[in-house]
Amino acid sequence: MDWGIHKWDEYAQEDYGVGRFDGYRYFVGEREHGIRGRGDIEEFTSEDRLKELLGTMLKAHIKEGAVNRDEAKRWADKFSIVL
């Protein structure tokens, strides 16, 4: 797995060299997102935008058969992610 999600804390400041922010840092490696030539994606974003992105990724994984649809739906419901 080549991805990660972090909410700001003192370790995020130390590890990523960023000041305090309200939201999340996410990272997705090129092998995970599958967009050739895009390279790694790193972004600091709001919780709403993060949920939107996670929904998009879950839908893509469901379509590819990489994840069980019912399991993905349960996970999405638990975290209020729209599929």
N, C-alpha and C. Protein backbone atom coordinates (compact mmCIF):
# COMPACT_ATOMS: atom_id res chain seq x y z
N MET A 1 0.84 -1.17 0.00
CA MET A 1 0.00 0.00 0.00
C MET A 1 0.89 1.23 0.00
N ASP A 2 0.57 2.11 -0.91
CA ASP A 2 1.37 3.32 -1.09
C ASP A 2 0.48 4.54 -0.93
N TRP A 3 -0.10 4.70 0.27
CA TRP A 3 -0.95 5.85 0.53
C TRP A 3 -1.01 6.10 2.03
N GLY A 4 -1.46 7.28 2.40
CA GLY A 4 -1.60 7.59 3.82
C GLY A 4 -2.47 8.81 4.03
N ILE A 5 -3.07 8.89 5.22
CA ILE A 5 -3.91 10.02 5.61
C ILE A 5 -3.48 10.42 7.01
N HIS A 6 -3.25 11.72 7.21
CA HIS A 6 -2.83 12.21 8.51
C HIS A 6 -3.60 13.46 8.89
N LYS A 7 -4.11 13.51 10.10
CA LYS A 7 -4.68 14.74 10.65
C LYS A 7 -3.53 15.48 11.34
N TRP A 8 -3.58 16.80 11.32
CA TRP A 8 -2.47 17.57 11.87
C TRP A 8 -2.26 17.26 13.35
N ASP A 9 -1.02 17.09 13.72
CA ASP A 9 -0.57 17.03 15.10
C ASP A 9 0.90 17.45 15.10
N GLU A 10 1.52 17.47 16.25
CA GLU A 10 2.92 17.93 16.30
C GLU A 10 3.84 17.06 15.46
N TYR A 11 3.50 15.80 15.27
CA TYR A 11 4.32 14.92 14.44
C TYR A 11 4.19 15.28 12.97
N ALA A 12 2.99 15.67 12.53
CA ALA A 12 2.80 16.10 11.14
C ALA A 12 3.65 17.33 10.87
N GLN A 13 3.67 18.24 11.83
CA GLN A 13 4.48 19.45 11.67
C GLN A 13 5.95 19.07 11.52
N GLU A 14 6.40 18.16 12.35
CA GLU A 14 7.80 17.73 12.32
C GLU A 14 8.11 16.92 11.05
N ASP A 15 7.25 15.96 10.72
CA ASP A 15 7.50 15.06 9.59
C ASP A 15 7.39 15.74 8.23
N TYR A 16 6.43 16.67 8.08
CA TYR A 16 6.15 17.25 6.77
C TYR A 16 6.53 18.72 6.66
N GLY A 17 7.02 19.29 7.76
CA GLY A 17 7.47 20.68 7.71
C GLY A 17 6.37 21.68 7.45
N VAL A 18 5.18 21.42 8.00
CA VAL A 18 4.06 22.33 7.79
C VAL A 18 3.59 22.86 9.13
N GLY A 19 3.05 24.07 9.09
CA GLY A 19 2.46 24.64 10.29
C GLY A 19 1.09 24.04 10.54
N ARG A 20 0.47 24.48 11.60
CA ARG A 20 -0.85 23.97 11.97
C ARG A 20 -1.85 24.19 10.83
N PHE A 21 -2.65 23.18 10.55
CA PHE A 21 -3.71 23.30 9.55
C PHE A 21 -4.94 22.55 10.03
N ASP A 22 -6.09 22.99 9.56
CA ASP A 22 -7.36 22.36 9.93
C ASP A 22 -7.77 21.45 8.78
N GLY A 23 -7.57 20.19 8.94
CA GLY A 23 -7.90 19.26 7.88
C GLY A 23 -6.94 18.09 7.88
N TYR A 24 -6.70 17.56 6.70
CA TYR A 24 -5.92 16.35 6.56
C TYR A 24 -4.87 16.49 5.48
N ARG A 25 -3.81 15.72 5.62
CA ARG A 25 -2.81 15.55 4.57
C ARG A 25 -3.03 14.15 4.04
N TYR A 26 -3.14 14.04 2.72
CA TYR A 26 -3.20 12.70 2.16
C TYR A 26 -2.13 12.54 1.10
N PHE A 27 -1.69 11.33 0.95
CA PHE A 27 -0.65 10.97 0.00
C PHE A 27 -1.11 9.70 -0.71
N VAL A 28 -1.01 9.69 -2.03
CA VAL A 28 -1.31 8.49 -2.81
C VAL A 28 -0.19 8.31 -3.83
N GLY A 29 0.48 7.17 -3.77
CA GLY A 29 1.54 6.88 -4.71
C GLY A 29 0.99 6.57 -6.10
N GLU A 30 1.81 6.76 -7.10
CA GLU A 30 1.36 6.58 -8.49
C GLU A 30 0.83 5.17 -8.76
N ARG A 31 1.42 4.17 -8.15
CA ARG A 31 0.93 2.80 -8.36
C ARG A 31 -0.47 2.61 -7.81
N GLU A 32 -0.82 3.37 -6.78
CA GLU A 32 -2.16 3.25 -6.18
C GLU A 32 -3.21 4.00 -6.99
N HIS A 33 -2.91 5.24 -7.41
CA HIS A 33 -3.95 6.00 -8.11
C HIS A 33 -4.02 5.65 -9.59
N GLY A 34 -2.97 5.11 -10.16
CA GLY A 34 -3.00 4.59 -11.52
C GLY A 34 -3.01 5.61 -12.64
N ILE A 35 -2.75 6.88 -12.35
CA ILE A 35 -2.72 7.89 -13.40
C ILE A 35 -1.29 7.99 -13.90
N ARG A 36 -1.03 7.38 -15.05
CA ARG A 36 0.34 7.34 -15.58
C ARG A 36 0.91 8.74 -15.78
N GLY A 37 2.15 8.90 -15.35
CA GLY A 37 2.84 10.16 -15.54
C GLY A 37 2.49 11.23 -14.51
N ARG A 38 1.54 10.97 -13.63
CA ARG A 38 1.11 11.96 -12.64
C ARG A 38 2.05 12.03 -11.46
N GLY A 39 2.74 10.93 -11.20
CA GLY A 39 3.60 10.90 -10.03
C GLY A 39 2.78 10.77 -8.76
N ASP A 40 3.45 10.92 -7.64
CA ASP A 40 2.76 10.84 -6.35
C ASP A 40 1.89 12.07 -6.16
N ILE A 41 0.78 11.87 -5.46
CA ILE A 41 -0.12 12.98 -5.16
C ILE A 41 -0.07 13.24 -3.65
N GLU A 42 0.17 14.48 -3.28
CA GLU A 42 0.16 14.88 -1.87
C GLU A 42 -0.64 16.17 -1.79
N GLU A 43 -1.57 16.22 -0.84
CA GLU A 43 -2.41 17.41 -0.74
C GLU A 43 -2.85 17.60 0.71
N PHE A 44 -3.00 18.85 1.09
CA PHE A 44 -3.59 19.21 2.38
C PHE A 44 -5.00 19.67 2.05
N THR A 45 -5.99 19.08 2.70
CA THR A 45 -7.36 19.33 2.29
C THR A 45 -8.33 19.27 3.46
N SER A 46 -9.55 19.70 3.20
CA SER A 46 -10.59 19.66 4.23
C SER A 46 -11.15 18.25 4.38
N GLU A 47 -11.85 18.01 5.46
CA GLU A 47 -12.46 16.70 5.68
C GLU A 47 -13.50 16.39 4.60
N ASP A 48 -14.29 17.38 4.19
CA ASP A 48 -15.30 17.15 3.15
C ASP A 48 -14.65 16.75 1.83
N ARG A 49 -13.60 17.44 1.44
CA ARG A 49 -12.91 17.11 0.18
C ARG A 49 -12.26 15.73 0.29
N LEU A 50 -11.70 15.40 1.43
CA LEU A 50 -11.09 14.09 1.62
C LEU A 50 -12.13 12.99 1.44
N LYS A 51 -13.31 13.17 2.02
CA LYS A 51 -14.38 12.18 1.88
C LYS A 51 -14.80 12.04 0.42
N GLU A 52 -14.85 13.14 -0.30
CA GLU A 52 -15.19 13.11 -1.72
C GLU A 52 -14.16 12.28 -2.50
N LEU A 53 -12.89 12.52 -2.22
CA LEU A 53 -11.82 11.78 -2.90
C LEU A 53 -11.85 10.30 -2.55
N LEU A 54 -12.08 9.98 -1.28
CA LEU A 54 -12.16 8.58 -0.87
C LEU A 54 -13.33 7.88 -1.55
N GLY A 55 -14.45 8.57 -1.70
CA GLY A 55 -15.59 8.00 -2.42
C GLY A 55 -15.24 7.69 -3.86
N THR A 56 -14.54 8.60 -4.51
CA THR A 56 -14.11 8.38 -5.90
C THR A 56 -13.19 7.17 -6.00
N MET A 57 -12.25 7.05 -5.08
CA MET A 57 -11.33 5.91 -5.11
C MET A 57 -12.05 4.60 -4.81
N LEU A 58 -12.97 4.62 -3.84
CA LEU A 58 -13.71 3.40 -3.53
C LEU A 58 -14.53 2.94 -4.73
N LYS A 59 -15.19 3.88 -5.41
CA LYS A 59 -15.98 3.53 -6.60
C LYS A 59 -15.10 2.89 -7.67
N ALA A 60 -13.91 3.45 -7.87
CA ALA A 60 -12.99 2.89 -8.87
C ALA A 60 -12.56 1.48 -8.49
N HIS A 61 -12.28 1.25 -7.22
CA HIS A 61 -11.87 -0.09 -6.77
C HIS A 61 -13.02 -1.08 -6.88
N ILE A 62 -14.25 -0.63 -6.62
CA ILE A 62 -15.42 -1.51 -6.77
C ILE A 62 -15.57 -1.89 -8.24
N LYS A 63 -15.46 -0.91 -9.13
CA LYS A 63 -15.59 -1.14 -10.57
C LYS A 63 -14.55 -2.14 -11.07
N GLU A 64 -13.33 -2.04 -10.56
CA GLU A 64 -12.25 -2.94 -10.97
C GLU A 64 -12.35 -4.31 -10.32
N GLY A 65 -13.24 -4.46 -9.35
CA GLY A 65 -13.37 -5.73 -8.64
C GLY A 65 -12.29 -5.93 -7.60
N ALA A 66 -11.61 -4.85 -7.23
CA ALA A 66 -10.51 -4.95 -6.27
C ALA A 66 -11.01 -4.97 -4.82
N VAL A 67 -12.29 -4.67 -4.63
CA VAL A 67 -12.87 -4.65 -3.29
C VAL A 67 -14.32 -5.12 -3.39
N ASN A 68 -14.78 -5.79 -2.36
CA ASN A 68 -16.16 -6.26 -2.30
C ASN A 68 -17.10 -5.07 -2.14
N ARG A 69 -18.11 -4.99 -2.99
CA ARG A 69 -19.04 -3.86 -3.00
C ARG A 69 -19.72 -3.66 -1.63
N ASP A 70 -20.22 -4.74 -1.03
CA ASP A 70 -20.92 -4.62 0.26
C ASP A 70 -19.98 -4.15 1.36
N GLU A 71 -18.76 -4.67 1.34
CA GLU A 71 -17.77 -4.25 2.34
C GLU A 71 -17.43 -2.77 2.17
N ALA A 72 -17.25 -2.34 0.93
CA ALA A 72 -16.94 -0.94 0.66
C ALA A 72 -18.10 -0.05 1.10
N LYS A 73 -19.33 -0.49 0.87
CA LYS A 73 -20.51 0.28 1.27
C LYS A 73 -20.58 0.43 2.79
N ARG A 74 -20.32 -0.66 3.51
CA ARG A 74 -20.32 -0.59 4.98
C ARG A 74 -19.27 0.40 5.47
N TRP A 75 -18.08 0.35 4.87
CA TRP A 75 -16.99 1.24 5.26
C TRP A 75 -17.37 2.69 4.94
N ALA A 76 -17.93 2.91 3.75
CA ALA A 76 -18.33 4.26 3.35
C ALA A 76 -19.41 4.80 4.29
N ASP A 77 -20.39 3.98 4.64
CA ASP A 77 -21.45 4.42 5.55
C ASP A 77 -20.88 4.78 6.92
N LYS A 78 -19.95 3.99 7.40
CA LYS A 78 -19.35 4.22 8.72
C LYS A 78 -18.69 5.60 8.80
N PHE A 79 -18.06 6.03 7.71
CA PHE A 79 -17.32 7.29 7.70
C PHE A 79 -18.03 8.40 6.92
N SER A 80 -19.33 8.19 6.61
CA SER A 80 -20.14 9.19 5.90
C SER A 80 -19.53 9.58 4.56
N ILE A 81 -19.10 8.58 3.80
CA ILE A 81 -18.53 8.80 2.47
C ILE A 81 -19.59 8.42 1.45
N VAL A 82 -19.85 9.31 0.51
CA VAL A 82 -20.87 9.06 -0.51
C VAL A 82 -20.26 8.27 -1.66
N LEU A 83 -20.91 7.17 -2.01
CA LEU A 83 -20.46 6.37 -3.16
C LEU A 83 -21.34 6.66 -4.36
